[in-house]
Amino acid sequence: MIQLNTFGQQTYKLGENDLFDYQTNYVAKGEIFITQDNRLPKLVQKHIAYNSSNRGMQGYRIQIFFGSGADARTKAQAQMKKFKQKYNETQAYLVYESPFFKVRVGDFRTKLEAMGFKNEIIGDFPSTWLVEDQIIVSD
């Protein structure tokens, strides 16, 4: 059991002067007992370990290609190449979720950031849309 001591100040008494006019240095001592399940520290450690192993966070990317079929991989790679030639400072990802190939770009923390970049590339990639995704956070 964890035992913590705490102190408080009484700064106002009902019926006496205004709150800002009346102050006292009266200090009372009391005890607060906190009872916790003994499994709680283990649960907190699991949470810390999970977050440490997770490389990213929930955010947004812009999907610039989505397709399936015999030549979908080739088309996806071509779209990635086209994107990297013009926007080489922005990361591009080739994603395969059977049977679809997708090209997603960027690592945006907010929807507003993603929308701004989408508006920037819409002339080169007119069939784009925002998707929620696990993004890589840069320091």
Foldseek 3Di string as FASTA:
>chain_A
DDKDKDKDADQDDPPDDDSVVGGDRDIDTDIDDDDDDPCVVVVVVVVVVVVVPQQFAKAKWKWLDKDFDDCQVVVLVVVVVVCCVVCVVKDWDWDCDPRMTIIIIHAGHYPVVNVVVCVVCCVVRVPMDMDIDTGGDDD
